[in-house]
Amino acid sequence: MSTLSCSSSSESIACSYYNPSTETRLVRIANSAQWYFEGMVLPRQKLRFLAPPDAYLEVYVGEEVEGSPLECIACDRL
């Protein structure tokens, strides 16, 4: 399973997502009306980014958003 850890600040959340698998993961935040983020995380690599406090990180297997996400993680719960 992948790992996402977050620490909060006044207007955004600093997040760190680690991909422990041997497959590339596409991650994105698309649930916020004024915020969109998308990034590629290679196997055994870490991605750091800022997100709104109500953000959900969607994790997909491969290099394209196809079907349902493998995981959907809320930053504020971690």
C-alpha atoms as a PDB file:
ATOM      1  CA  MET A   1       0.000   0.000   0.000  1.00  0.00           C
ATOM      2  CA  SER A   2       1.156   3.542  -0.736  1.00  0.00           C
ATOM      3  CA  THR A   3       1.782   6.117   1.945  1.00  0.00           C
ATOM      4  CA  LEU A   4       0.620   9.720   2.181  1.00  0.00           C
ATOM      5  CA  SER A   5       1.592  11.901   5.103  1.00  0.00           C
ATOM      6  CA  CYS A   6       0.504  15.493   5.621  1.00  0.00           C
ATOM      7  CA  SER A   7       1.180  18.389   7.946  1.00  0.00           C
ATOM      8  CA  SER A   8      -1.134  21.383   8.016  1.00  0.00           C
ATOM      9  CA  SER A   9      -0.431  25.090   7.621  1.00  0.00           C
ATOM     10  CA  SER A  10      -2.826  28.053   7.630  1.00  0.00           C
ATOM     11  CA  GLU A  11      -4.083  27.820   4.024  1.00  0.00           C
ATOM     12  CA  SER A  12      -2.767  24.554   2.639  1.00  0.00           C
ATOM     13  CA  ILE A  13      -1.514  21.137   3.622  1.00  0.00           C
ATOM     14  CA  ALA A  14       2.009  19.973   2.845  1.00  0.00           C
ATOM     15  CA  CYS A  15       1.773  16.383   1.627  1.00  0.00           C
ATOM     16  CA  SER A  16       4.242  13.643   0.877  1.00  0.00           C
ATOM     17  CA  TYR A  17       3.180  10.585  -1.112  1.00  0.00           C
ATOM     18  CA  TYR A  18       5.468   7.544  -1.361  1.00  0.00           C
ATOM     19  CA  ASN A  19       5.000   4.834  -4.000  1.00  0.00           C
ATOM     20  CA  PRO A  20       6.458   1.588  -2.610  1.00  0.00           C
ATOM     21  CA  SER A  21       5.337  -0.498  -5.593  1.00  0.00           C
ATOM     22  CA  THR A  22       7.224  -1.516  -8.733  1.00  0.00           C
ATOM     23  CA  GLU A  23       4.650   0.239 -10.937  1.00  0.00           C
ATOM     24  CA  THR A  24       4.267   3.894 -11.883  1.00  0.00           C
ATOM     25  CA  ARG A  25       1.402   5.702 -10.128  1.00  0.00           C
ATOM     26  CA  LEU A  26      -0.520   8.700 -11.394  1.00  0.00           C
ATOM     27  CA  VAL A  27      -1.806  10.889  -8.564  1.00  0.00           C
ATOM     28  CA  ARG A  28      -4.214  13.779  -8.745  1.00  0.00           C
ATOM     29  CA  ILE A  29      -6.384  16.107  -6.705  1.00  0.00           C
ATOM     30  CA  ALA A  30      -9.543  17.021  -8.562  1.00  0.00           C
ATOM     31  CA  ASN A  31     -12.183  17.421  -5.849  1.00  0.00           C
ATOM     32  CA  SER A  32     -11.591  21.135  -5.212  1.00  0.00           C
ATOM     33  CA  ALA A  33     -13.330  23.791  -7.346  1.00  0.00           C
ATOM     34  CA  GLN A  34     -10.308  26.115  -7.379  1.00  0.00           C
ATOM     35  CA  TRP A  35      -7.482  23.563  -7.270  1.00  0.00           C
ATOM     36  CA  TYR A  36      -6.173  20.883  -9.593  1.00  0.00           C
ATOM     37  CA  PHE A  37      -2.996  18.872  -9.198  1.00  0.00           C
ATOM     38  CA  GLU A  38      -1.665  15.916 -11.147  1.00  0.00           C
ATOM     39  CA  GLY A  39       1.681  14.168 -10.942  1.00  0.00           C
ATOM     40  CA  MET A  40       3.524  10.992 -11.789  1.00  0.00           C
ATOM     41  CA  VAL A  41       5.237   8.976  -9.062  1.00  0.00           C
ATOM     42  CA  LEU A  42       7.808   6.455 -10.216  1.00  0.00           C
ATOM     43  CA  PRO A  43       8.385   3.191  -8.345  1.00  0.00           C
ATOM     44  CA  ARG A  44       9.893   3.697  -4.874  1.00  0.00           C
ATOM     45  CA  GLN A  45       9.870   7.480  -5.259  1.00  0.00           C
ATOM     46  CA  LYS A  46       8.367  10.250  -3.110  1.00  0.00           C
ATOM     47  CA  LEU A  47       6.349  13.249  -4.314  1.00  0.00           C
ATOM     48  CA  ARG A  48       5.850  16.358  -2.165  1.00  0.00           C
ATOM     49  CA  PHE A  49       3.139  18.920  -2.871  1.00  0.00           C
ATOM     50  CA  LEU A  50       0.715  21.417  -1.290  1.00  0.00           C
ATOM     51  CA  ALA A  51      -3.042  20.879  -1.254  1.00  0.00           C
ATOM     52  CA  PRO A  52      -6.202  22.449   0.200  1.00  0.00           C
ATOM     53  CA  PRO A  53      -7.230  21.128   3.646  1.00  0.00           C
ATOM     54  CA  ASP A  54     -10.250  19.321   2.167  1.00  0.00           C
ATOM     55  CA  ALA A  55      -8.217  17.612  -0.577  1.00  0.00           C
ATOM     56  CA  TYR A  56      -8.433  13.973  -1.553  1.00  0.00           C
ATOM     57  CA  LEU A  57      -5.541  12.369  -3.381  1.00  0.00           C
ATOM     58  CA  GLU A  58      -6.641   9.925  -6.087  1.00  0.00           C
ATOM     59  CA  VAL A  59      -4.050   7.247  -6.943  1.00  0.00           C
ATOM     60  CA  TYR A  60      -4.139   5.399 -10.272  1.00  0.00           C
ATOM     61  CA  VAL A  61      -1.986   2.532 -11.578  1.00  0.00           C
ATOM     62  CA  GLY A  62      -0.101   3.400 -14.760  1.00  0.00           C
ATOM     63  CA  GLU A  63       0.392   6.671 -16.571  1.00  0.00           C
ATOM     64  CA  GLU A  64      -3.216   7.602 -17.407  1.00  0.00           C
ATOM     65  CA  VAL A  65      -6.402   8.199 -15.443  1.00  0.00           C
ATOM     66  CA  GLU A  66      -8.518   5.206 -16.399  1.00  0.00           C
ATOM     67  CA  GLY A  67     -11.431   3.779 -14.443  1.00  0.00           C
ATOM     68  CA  SER A  68     -11.670   4.038 -10.689  1.00  0.00           C
ATOM     69  CA  PRO A  69      -8.723   5.090  -8.545  1.00  0.00           C
ATOM     70  CA  LEU A  70      -6.709   2.408  -6.777  1.00  0.00           C
ATOM     71  CA  GLU A  71      -6.841   4.566  -3.631  1.00  0.00           C
ATOM     72  CA  CYS A  72      -8.531   7.805  -2.581  1.00  0.00           C
ATOM     73  CA  ILE A  73      -6.839   9.349   0.465  1.00  0.00           C
ATOM     74  CA  ALA A  74      -7.928  12.385   2.515  1.00  0.00           C
ATOM     75  CA  CYS A  75      -4.947  14.420   3.676  1.00  0.00           C
ATOM     76  CA  ASP A  76      -6.599  15.676   6.842  1.00  0.00           C
ATOM     77  CA  ARG A  77      -7.079  12.135   8.194  1.00  0.00           C
ATOM     78  CA  LEU A  78      -3.419  11.282   8.197  1.00  0.00           C
END
